[in-house]
Amino acid sequence: MNRNNYYGMGNVAGVTDAEFCPDCPTQTIYDPPITQYENYYHPQLVNVVQNIETVKQHHCCPVYKHIYTHTEKNVMVSSAKRRKHAKVSSKKR
């Protein structure tokens, strides 16, 4: 079986496959249009007003100032009492 006959595409009026050129009409189809943009930029002056508010905050911070008081007193101590007191304090250590 001939391949061309199998698909129903036999030769026309004895013309060989190499010489055969069917008369196919030209068709025209249109795709939807494509929109193309060209962007051009031009400088435009825009004034921007920015208000600045300064808030001065005042805070109390503790600053320690040491003040020392001094007192004096005179105490009479006997020598016998001092020795006894020294022994007692050394035993406590």
PDB file of N, CA and C in Angstrom:
ATOM      1  N   MET A   1       0.844  -1.162   0.000  1.00  0.00           N
ATOM      2  CA  MET A   1       0.000   0.000   0.000  1.00  0.00           C
ATOM      3  C   MET A   1       0.899   1.237   0.000  1.00  0.00           C
ATOM      4  N   ASN A   2       0.596   2.179  -0.855  1.00  0.00           N
ATOM      5  CA  ASN A   2       1.352   3.416  -0.961  1.00  0.00           C
ATOM      6  C   ASN A   2       1.003   4.321   0.219  1.00  0.00           C
ATOM      7  N   ARG A   3       2.012   4.964   0.759  1.00  0.00           N
ATOM      8  CA  ARG A   3       1.799   5.800   1.949  1.00  0.00           C
ATOM      9  C   ARG A   3       0.878   6.957   1.631  1.00  0.00           C
ATOM     10  N   ASN A   4       1.041   7.596   0.478  1.00  0.00           N
ATOM     11  CA  ASN A   4       0.181   8.716   0.103  1.00  0.00           C
ATOM     12  C   ASN A   4      -1.267   8.287  -0.074  1.00  0.00           C
ATOM     13  N   ASN A   5      -1.473   7.101  -0.607  1.00  0.00           N
ATOM     14  CA  ASN A   5      -2.834   6.599  -0.764  1.00  0.00           C
ATOM     15  C   ASN A   5      -3.432   6.277   0.598  1.00  0.00           C
ATOM     16  N   TYR A   6      -2.612   5.835   1.521  1.00  0.00           N
ATOM     17  CA  TYR A   6      -3.098   5.476   2.849  1.00  0.00           C
ATOM     18  C   TYR A   6      -3.698   6.685   3.550  1.00  0.00           C
ATOM     19  N   TYR A   7      -3.090   7.864   3.399  1.00  0.00           N
ATOM     20  CA  TYR A   7      -3.602   9.081   4.043  1.00  0.00           C
ATOM     21  C   TYR A   7      -4.557   9.855   3.154  1.00  0.00           C
ATOM     22  N   GLY A   8      -4.835   9.330   1.964  1.00  0.00           N
ATOM     23  CA  GLY A   8      -5.772   9.983   1.054  1.00  0.00           C
ATOM     24  C   GLY A   8      -5.165  11.172   0.345  1.00  0.00           C
ATOM     25  N   MET A   9      -3.858  11.184   0.146  1.00  0.00           N
ATOM     26  CA  MET A   9      -3.189  12.307  -0.485  1.00  0.00           C
ATOM     27  C   MET A   9      -2.470  11.827  -1.755  1.00  0.00           C
ATOM     28  N   GLY A  10      -3.145  11.244  -2.629  1.00  0.00           N
ATOM     29  CA  GLY A  10      -2.524  10.729  -3.845  1.00  0.00           C
ATOM     30  C   GLY A  10      -2.096  11.848  -4.776  1.00  0.00           C
ATOM     31  N   ASN A  11      -1.311  11.482  -5.805  1.00  0.00           N
ATOM     32  CA  ASN A  11      -0.832  12.449  -6.786  1.00  0.00           C
ATOM     33  C   ASN A  11      -1.989  12.957  -7.633  1.00  0.00           C
ATOM     34  N   VAL A  12      -1.826  14.172  -8.118  1.00  0.00           N
ATOM     35  CA  VAL A  12      -2.855  14.778  -8.965  1.00  0.00           C
ATOM     36  C   VAL A  12      -2.400  14.677 -10.415  1.00  0.00           C
ATOM     37  N   ALA A  13      -3.170  14.070 -11.241  1.00  0.00           N
ATOM     38  CA  ALA A  13      -2.948  13.967 -12.696  1.00  0.00           C
ATOM     39  C   ALA A  13      -1.548  13.499 -13.047  1.00  0.00           C
ATOM     40  N   GLY A  14      -1.045  12.483 -12.329  1.00  0.00           N
ATOM     41  CA  GLY A  14       0.212  11.843 -12.671  1.00  0.00           C
ATOM     42  C   GLY A  14       1.451  12.662 -12.326  1.00  0.00           C
ATOM     43  N   VAL A  15       1.358  13.671 -11.470  1.00  0.00           N
ATOM     44  CA  VAL A  15       2.524  14.481 -11.114  1.00  0.00           C
ATOM     45  C   VAL A  15       3.200  13.821  -9.919  1.00  0.00           C
ATOM     46  N   THR A  16       4.542  13.828  -9.923  1.00  0.00           N
ATOM     47  CA  THR A  16       5.273  13.194  -8.832  1.00  0.00           C
ATOM     48  C   THR A  16       5.247  14.086  -7.592  1.00  0.00           C
ATOM     49  N   ASP A  17       5.653  13.494  -6.462  1.00  0.00           N
ATOM     50  CA  ASP A  17       5.645  14.238  -5.195  1.00  0.00           C
ATOM     51  C   ASP A  17       6.556  15.471  -5.238  1.00  0.00           C
ATOM     52  N   ALA A  18       7.677  15.385  -5.935  1.00  0.00           N
ATOM     53  CA  ALA A  18       8.607  16.503  -5.991  1.00  0.00           C
ATOM     54  C   ALA A  18       8.044  17.663  -6.801  1.00  0.00           C
ATOM     55  N   GLU A  19       7.220  17.367  -7.802  1.00  0.00           N
ATOM     56  CA  GLU A  19       6.664  18.410  -8.655  1.00  0.00           C
ATOM     57  C   GLU A  19       5.322  18.913  -8.167  1.00  0.00           C
ATOM     58  N   PHE A  20       4.735  18.264  -7.249  1.00  0.00           N
ATOM     59  CA  PHE A  20       3.378  18.604  -6.829  1.00  0.00           C
ATOM     60  C   PHE A  20       3.381  19.840  -5.930  1.00  0.00           C
ATOM     61  N   CYS A  21       2.608  20.859  -6.297  1.00  0.00           N
ATOM     62  CA  CYS A  21       2.445  22.062  -5.498  1.00  0.00           C
ATOM     63  C   CYS A  21       0.965  22.393  -5.493  1.00  0.00           C
ATOM     64  N   PRO A  22       0.322  22.121  -4.388  1.00  0.00           N
ATOM     65  CA  PRO A  22      -1.122  22.380  -4.355  1.00  0.00           C
ATOM     66  C   PRO A  22      -1.409  23.877  -4.383  1.00  0.00           C
ATOM     67  N   ASP A  23      -2.569  24.241  -4.883  1.00  0.00           N
ATOM     68  CA  ASP A  23      -2.969  25.635  -4.951  1.00  0.00           C
ATOM     69  C   ASP A  23      -3.671  25.997  -3.637  1.00  0.00           C
ATOM     70  N   CYS A  24      -2.870  26.380  -2.647  1.00  0.00           N
ATOM     71  CA  CYS A  24      -3.421  26.740  -1.336  1.00  0.00           C
ATOM     72  C   CYS A  24      -3.549  28.250  -1.283  1.00  0.00           C
ATOM     73  N   PRO A  25      -4.745  28.733  -1.052  1.00  0.00           N
ATOM     74  CA  PRO A  25      -4.918  30.187  -1.012  1.00  0.00           C
ATOM     75  C   PRO A  25      -4.223  30.784   0.221  1.00  0.00           C
ATOM     76  N   THR A  26      -3.689  31.963   0.059  1.00  0.00           N
ATOM     77  CA  THR A  26      -3.048  32.660   1.165  1.00  0.00           C
ATOM     78  C   THR A  26      -4.115  33.151   2.113  1.00  0.00           C
ATOM     79  N   GLN A  27      -3.851  32.943   3.390  1.00  0.00           N
ATOM     80  CA  GLN A  27      -4.772  33.423   4.419  1.00  0.00           C
ATOM     81  C   GLN A  27      -4.087  34.502   5.248  1.00  0.00           C
ATOM     82  N   THR A  28      -4.872  35.413   5.749  1.00  0.00           N
ATOM     83  CA  THR A  28      -4.361  36.464   6.622  1.00  0.00           C
ATOM     84  C   THR A  28      -5.157  36.440   7.911  1.00  0.00           C
ATOM     85  N   ILE A  29      -4.440  36.359   9.018  1.00  0.00           N
ATOM     86  CA  ILE A  29      -5.111  36.428  10.320  1.00  0.00           C
ATOM     87  C   ILE A  29      -4.500  37.595  11.091  1.00  0.00           C
ATOM     88  N   TYR A  30      -5.276  38.176  11.975  1.00  0.00           N
ATOM     89  CA  TYR A  30      -4.819  39.314  12.755  1.00  0.00           C
ATOM     90  C   TYR A  30      -4.839  38.973  14.242  1.00  0.00           C
ATOM     91  N   ASP A  31      -3.690  39.136  14.853  1.00  0.00           N
ATOM     92  CA  ASP A  31      -3.612  38.992  16.307  1.00  0.00           C
ATOM     93  C   ASP A  31      -4.117  40.285  16.939  1.00  0.00           C
ATOM     94  N   PRO A  32      -4.501  40.199  18.210  1.00  0.00           N
ATOM     95  CA  PRO A  32      -4.901  41.439  18.885  1.00  0.00           C
ATOM     96  C   PRO A  32      -3.715  42.416  18.924  1.00  0.00           C
ATOM     97  N   PRO A  33      -4.007  43.697  18.877  1.00  0.00           N
ATOM     98  CA  PRO A  33      -2.899  44.654  18.833  1.00  0.00           C
ATOM     99  C   PRO A  33      -2.077  44.647  20.123  1.00  0.00           C
ATOM    100  N   ILE A  34      -0.817  44.918  19.949  1.00  0.00           N
ATOM    101  CA  ILE A  34       0.095  45.037  21.087  1.00  0.00           C
ATOM    102  C   ILE A  34       0.321  46.518  21.320  1.00  0.00           C
ATOM    103  N   THR A  35       0.107  46.958  22.554  1.00  0.00           N
ATOM    104  CA  THR A  35       0.324  48.363  22.882  1.00  0.00           C
ATOM    105  C   THR A  35       1.736  48.524  23.401  1.00  0.00           C
ATOM    106  N   GLN A  36       2.456  49.439  22.822  1.00  0.00           N
ATOM    107  CA  GLN A  36       3.834  49.696  23.212  1.00  0.00           C
ATOM    108  C   GLN A  36       3.904  51.129  23.710  1.00  0.00           C
ATOM    109  N   TYR A  37       4.538  51.309  24.863  1.00  0.00           N
ATOM    110  CA  TYR A  37       4.637  52.640  25.459  1.00  0.00           C
ATOM    111  C   TYR A  37       6.083  53.106  25.445  1.00  0.00           C
ATOM    112  N   GLU A  38       6.266  54.371  25.194  1.00  0.00           N
ATOM    113  CA  GLU A  38       7.552  55.021  25.342  1.00  0.00           C
ATOM    114  C   GLU A  38       7.365  56.086  26.407  1.00  0.00           C
ATOM    115  N   ASN A  39       8.111  55.985  27.474  1.00  0.00           N
ATOM    116  CA  ASN A  39       7.963  56.911  28.585  1.00  0.00           C
ATOM    117  C   ASN A  39       9.038  57.985  28.513  1.00  0.00           C
ATOM    118  N   TYR A  40       8.611  59.213  28.660  1.00  0.00           N
ATOM    119  CA  TYR A  40       9.506  60.358  28.700  1.00  0.00           C
ATOM    120  C   TYR A  40       9.264  61.072  30.017  1.00  0.00           C
ATOM    121  N   TYR A  41      10.327  61.421  30.706  1.00  0.00           N
ATOM    122  CA  TYR A  41      10.212  62.051  32.014  1.00  0.00           C
ATOM    123  C   TYR A  41      10.773  63.461  31.958  1.00  0.00           C
ATOM    124  N   HIS A  42      10.045  64.361  32.595  1.00  0.00           N
ATOM    125  CA  HIS A  42      10.446  65.755  32.627  1.00  0.00           C
ATOM    126  C   HIS A  42      10.450  66.212  34.082  1.00  0.00           C
ATOM    127  N   PRO A  43      11.444  66.995  34.486  1.00  0.00           N
ATOM    128  CA  PRO A  43      11.513  67.424  35.886  1.00  0.00           C
ATOM    129  C   PRO A  43      10.355  68.356  36.247  1.00  0.00           C
ATOM    130  N   GLN A  44       9.799  68.131  37.391  1.00  0.00           N
ATOM    131  CA  GLN A  44       8.719  68.965  37.902  1.00  0.00           C
ATOM    132  C   GLN A  44       9.086  69.338  39.331  1.00  0.00           C
ATOM    133  N   LEU A  45       9.167  70.619  39.618  1.00  0.00           N
ATOM    134  CA  LEU A  45       9.527  71.079  40.946  1.00  0.00           C
ATOM    135  C   LEU A  45       8.340  70.890  41.885  1.00  0.00           C
ATOM    136  N   VAL A  46       8.590  70.204  42.985  1.00  0.00           N
ATOM    137  CA  VAL A  46       7.562  69.989  44.004  1.00  0.00           C
ATOM    138  C   VAL A  46       8.134  70.473  45.324  1.00  0.00           C
ATOM    139  N   ASN A  47       7.539  71.526  45.872  1.00  0.00           N
ATOM    140  CA  ASN A  47       7.983  72.051  47.162  1.00  0.00           C
ATOM    141  C   ASN A  47       7.395  71.215  48.282  1.00  0.00           C
ATOM    142  N   VAL A  48       8.263  70.732  49.141  1.00  0.00           N
ATOM    143  CA  VAL A  48       7.831  69.947  50.289  1.00  0.00           C
ATOM    144  C   VAL A  48       8.184  70.744  51.532  1.00  0.00           C
ATOM    145  N   VAL A  49       7.185  71.126  52.303  1.00  0.00           N
ATOM    146  CA  VAL A  49       7.405  71.893  53.517  1.00  0.00           C
ATOM    147  C   VAL A  49       7.332  70.933  54.688  1.00  0.00           C
ATOM    148  N   GLN A  50       8.418  70.862  55.439  1.00  0.00           N
ATOM    149  CA  GLN A  50       8.484  69.960  56.589  1.00  0.00           C
ATOM    150  C   GLN A  50       8.638  70.814  57.838  1.00  0.00           C
ATOM    151  N   ASN A  51       7.641  70.794  58.700  1.00  0.00           N
ATOM    152  CA  ASN A  51       7.695  71.531  59.944  1.00  0.00           C
ATOM    153  C   ASN A  51       8.486  70.737  60.979  1.00  0.00           C
ATOM    154  N   ILE A  52       9.423  71.400  61.634  1.00  0.00           N
ATOM    155  CA  ILE A  52      10.208  70.753  62.672  1.00  0.00           C
ATOM    156  C   ILE A  52       9.883  71.431  63.988  1.00  0.00           C
ATOM    157  N   GLU A  53       9.450  70.660  64.949  1.00  0.00           N
ATOM    158  CA  GLU A  53       9.127  71.170  66.272  1.00  0.00           C
ATOM    159  C   GLU A  53      10.170  70.656  67.250  1.00  0.00           C
ATOM    160  N   THR A  54      10.767  71.566  68.005  1.00  0.00           N
ATOM    161  CA  THR A  54      11.746  71.179  69.004  1.00  0.00           C
ATOM    162  C   THR A  54      11.077  71.212  70.367  1.00  0.00           C
ATOM    163  N   VAL A  55      11.094  70.102  71.045  1.00  0.00           N
ATOM    164  CA  VAL A  55      10.530  69.996  72.390  1.00  0.00           C
ATOM    165  C   VAL A  55      11.699  69.859  73.344  1.00  0.00           C
ATOM    166  N   LYS A  56      11.847  70.832  74.226  1.00  0.00           N
ATOM    167  CA  LYS A  56      12.927  70.786  75.212  1.00  0.00           C
ATOM    168  C   LYS A  56      12.380  70.154  76.475  1.00  0.00           C
ATOM    169  N   GLN A  57      12.823  68.966  76.750  1.00  0.00           N
ATOM    170  CA  GLN A  57      12.355  68.232  77.921  1.00  0.00           C
ATOM    171  C   GLN A  57      13.356  68.419  79.054  1.00  0.00           C
ATOM    172  N   HIS A  58      12.835  68.712  80.224  1.00  0.00           N
ATOM    173  CA  HIS A  58      13.671  68.915  81.405  1.00  0.00           C
ATOM    174  C   HIS A  58      13.373  67.802  82.395  1.00  0.00           C
ATOM    175  N   HIS A  59      14.408  67.167  82.874  1.00  0.00           N
ATOM    176  CA  HIS A  59      14.258  66.033  83.783  1.00  0.00           C
ATOM    177  C   HIS A  59      15.082  66.279  85.037  1.00  0.00           C
ATOM    178  N   CYS A  60      14.563  65.835  86.155  1.00  0.00           N
ATOM    179  CA  CYS A  60      15.324  65.882  87.403  1.00  0.00           C
ATOM    180  C   CYS A  60      16.088  64.572  87.547  1.00  0.00           C
ATOM    181  N   CYS A  61      17.367  64.678  87.748  1.00  0.00           N
ATOM    182  CA  CYS A  61      18.221  63.505  87.915  1.00  0.00           C
ATOM    183  C   CYS A  61      18.869  63.580  89.292  1.00  0.00           C
ATOM    184  N   PRO A  62      18.818  62.510  90.047  1.00  0.00           N
ATOM    185  CA  PRO A  62      19.461  62.546  91.361  1.00  0.00           C
ATOM    186  C   PRO A  62      20.979  62.546  91.231  1.00  0.00           C
ATOM    187  N   VAL A  63      21.595  63.532  91.844  1.00  0.00           N
ATOM    188  CA  VAL A  63      23.048  63.615  91.914  1.00  0.00           C
ATOM    189  C   VAL A  63      23.372  63.636  93.403  1.00  0.00           C
ATOM    190  N   TYR A  64      24.002  62.586  93.868  1.00  0.00           N
ATOM    191  CA  TYR A  64      24.236  62.423  95.306  1.00  0.00           C
ATOM    192  C   TYR A  64      25.462  63.211  95.741  1.00  0.00           C
ATOM    193  N   LYS A  65      25.240  64.065  96.711  1.00  0.00           N
ATOM    194  CA  LYS A  65      26.321  64.831  97.310  1.00  0.00           C
ATOM    195  C   LYS A  65      26.360  64.436  98.774  1.00  0.00           C
ATOM    196  N   HIS A  66      27.405  63.783  99.170  1.00  0.00           N
ATOM    197  CA  HIS A  66      27.513  63.308 100.547  1.00  0.00           C
ATOM    198  C   HIS A  66      27.980  64.440 101.453  1.00  0.00           C
ATOM    199  N   ILE A  67      27.259  64.610 102.505  1.00  0.00           N
ATOM    200  CA  ILE A  67      27.604  65.593 103.518  1.00  0.00           C
ATOM    201  C   ILE A  67      27.835  64.825 104.809  1.00  0.00           C
ATOM    202  N   TYR A  68      28.986  65.030 105.392  1.00  0.00           N
ATOM    203  CA  TYR A  68      29.344  64.310 106.604  1.00  0.00           C
ATOM    204  C   TYR A  68      29.306  65.269 107.786  1.00  0.00           C
ATOM    205  N   THR A  69      28.773  64.764 108.857  1.00  0.00           N
ATOM    206  CA  THR A  69      28.814  65.516 110.109  1.00  0.00           C
ATOM    207  C   THR A  69      29.822  64.861 111.031  1.00  0.00           C
ATOM    208  N   HIS A  70      30.362  65.640 111.910  1.00  0.00           N
ATOM    209  CA  HIS A  70      31.396  65.120 112.791  1.00  0.00           C
ATOM    210  C   HIS A  70      31.102  65.621 114.209  1.00  0.00           C
ATOM    211  N   THR A  71      31.132  64.711 115.093  1.00  0.00           N
ATOM    212  CA  THR A  71      30.972  65.076 116.508  1.00  0.00           C
ATOM    213  C   THR A  71      32.148  64.528 117.290  1.00  0.00           C
ATOM    214  N   GLU A  72      32.441  65.161 118.373  1.00  0.00           N
ATOM    215  CA  GLU A  72      33.509  64.703 119.263  1.00  0.00           C
ATOM    216  C   GLU A  72      32.948  64.593 120.669  1.00  0.00           C
ATOM    217  N   LYS A  73      33.461  63.619 121.378  1.00  0.00           N
ATOM    218  CA  LYS A  73      33.131  63.502 122.789  1.00  0.00           C
ATOM    219  C   LYS A  73      34.323  62.954 123.544  1.00  0.00           C
ATOM    220  N   ASN A  74      34.435  63.315 124.755  1.00  0.00           N
ATOM    221  CA  ASN A  74      35.511  62.845 125.622  1.00  0.00           C
ATOM    222  C   ASN A  74      34.960  61.805 126.568  1.00  0.00           C
ATOM    223  N   VAL A  75      35.638  60.690 126.667  1.00  0.00           N
ATOM    224  CA  VAL A  75      35.229  59.610 127.549  1.00  0.00           C
ATOM    225  C   VAL A  75      36.434  59.225 128.394  1.00  0.00           C
ATOM    226  N   MET A  76      36.247  59.105 129.654  1.00  0.00           N
ATOM    227  CA  MET A  76      37.323  58.677 130.558  1.00  0.00           C
ATOM    228  C   MET A  76      37.312  57.169 130.645  1.00  0.00           C
ATOM    229  N   VAL A  77      38.442  56.579 130.398  1.00  0.00           N
ATOM    230  CA  VAL A  77      38.557  55.126 130.447  1.00  0.00           C
ATOM    231  C   VAL A  77      39.705  54.800 131.380  1.00  0.00           C
ATOM    232  N   SER A  78      39.452  53.898 132.354  1.00  0.00           N
ATOM    233  CA  SER A  78      40.537  53.494 133.259  1.00  0.00           C
ATOM    234  C   SER A  78      41.359  52.429 132.572  1.00  0.00           C
ATOM    235  N   SER A  79      42.648  52.290 132.913  1.00  0.00           N
ATOM    236  CA  SER A  79      43.520  51.311 132.290  1.00  0.00           C
ATOM    237  C   SER A  79      43.112  49.892 132.623  1.00  0.00           C
ATOM    238  N   ALA A  80      42.561  49.631 133.814  1.00  0.00           N
ATOM    239  CA  ALA A  80      42.123  48.289 134.197  1.00  0.00           C
ATOM    240  C   ALA A  80      40.938  47.865 133.347  1.00  0.00           C
ATOM    241  N   LYS A  81      40.092  48.756 133.150  1.00  0.00           N
ATOM    242  CA  LYS A  81      38.904  48.451 132.353  1.00  0.00           C
ATOM    243  C   LYS A  81      39.298  48.191 130.881  1.00  0.00           C
ATOM    244  N   ARG A  82      40.319  48.889 130.424  1.00  0.00           N
ATOM    245  CA  ARG A  82      40.734  48.738 129.040  1.00  0.00           C
ATOM    246  C   ARG A  82      41.309  47.352 128.789  1.00  0.00           C
ATOM    247  N   ARG A  83      42.134  46.841 129.721  1.00  0.00           N
ATOM    248  CA  ARG A  83      42.707  45.510 129.524  1.00  0.00           C
ATOM    249  C   ARG A  83      41.621  44.457 129.502  1.00  0.00           C
ATOM    250  N   LYS A  84      40.692  44.565 130.379  1.00  0.00           N
ATOM    251  CA  LYS A  84      39.613  43.596 130.430  1.00  0.00           C
ATOM    252  C   LYS A  84      38.795  43.650 129.138  1.00  0.00           C
ATOM    253  N   HIS A  85      38.578  44.812 128.669  1.00  0.00           N
ATOM    254  CA  HIS A  85      37.797  44.994 127.446  1.00  0.00           C
ATOM    255  C   HIS A  85      38.539  44.423 126.228  1.00  0.00           C
ATOM    256  N   ALA A  86      39.847  44.542 126.219  1.00  0.00           N
ATOM    257  CA  ALA A  86      40.653  44.020 125.126  1.00  0.00           C
ATOM    258  C   ALA A  86      40.615  42.501 125.102  1.00  0.00           C
ATOM    259  N   LYS A  87      40.675  41.839 126.278  1.00  0.00           N
ATOM    260  CA  LYS A  87      40.599  40.384 126.330  1.00  0.00           C
ATOM    261  C   LYS A  87      39.249  39.887 125.845  1.00  0.00           C
ATOM    262  N   VAL A  88      38.228  40.566 126.227  1.00  0.00           N
ATOM    263  CA  VAL A  88      36.870  40.126 125.848  1.00  0.00           C
ATOM    264  C   VAL A  88      36.677  40.243 124.360  1.00  0.00           C
ATOM    265  N   SER A  89      37.127  41.317 123.768  1.00  0.00           N
ATOM    266  CA  SER A  89      36.934  41.516 122.334  1.00  0.00           C
ATOM    267  C   SER A  89      37.776  40.539 121.509  1.00  0.00           C
ATOM    268  N   SER A  90      38.974  40.143 122.020  1.00  0.00           N
ATOM    269  CA  SER A  90      39.783  39.177 121.281  1.00  0.00           C
ATOM    270  C   SER A  90      39.179  37.796 121.351  1.00  0.00           C
ATOM    271  N   LYS A  91      38.502  37.464 122.470  1.00  0.00           N
ATOM    272  CA  LYS A  91      37.842  36.157 122.556  1.00  0.00           C
ATOM    273  C   LYS A  91      36.651  36.080 121.604  1.00  0.00           C
ATOM    274  N   LYS A  92      35.996  37.201 121.379  1.00  0.00           N
ATOM    275  CA  LYS A  92      34.830  37.202 120.502  1.00  0.00           C
ATOM    276  C   LYS A  92      35.223  37.012 119.043  1.00  0.00           C
ATOM    277  N   ARG A  93      36.440  37.352 118.691  1.00  0.00           N
ATOM    278  CA  ARG A  93      36.850  37.210 117.291  1.00  0.00           C
ATOM    279  C   ARG A  93      37.083  35.815 116.987  1.00  0.00           C
TER     280      ARG A  93
END
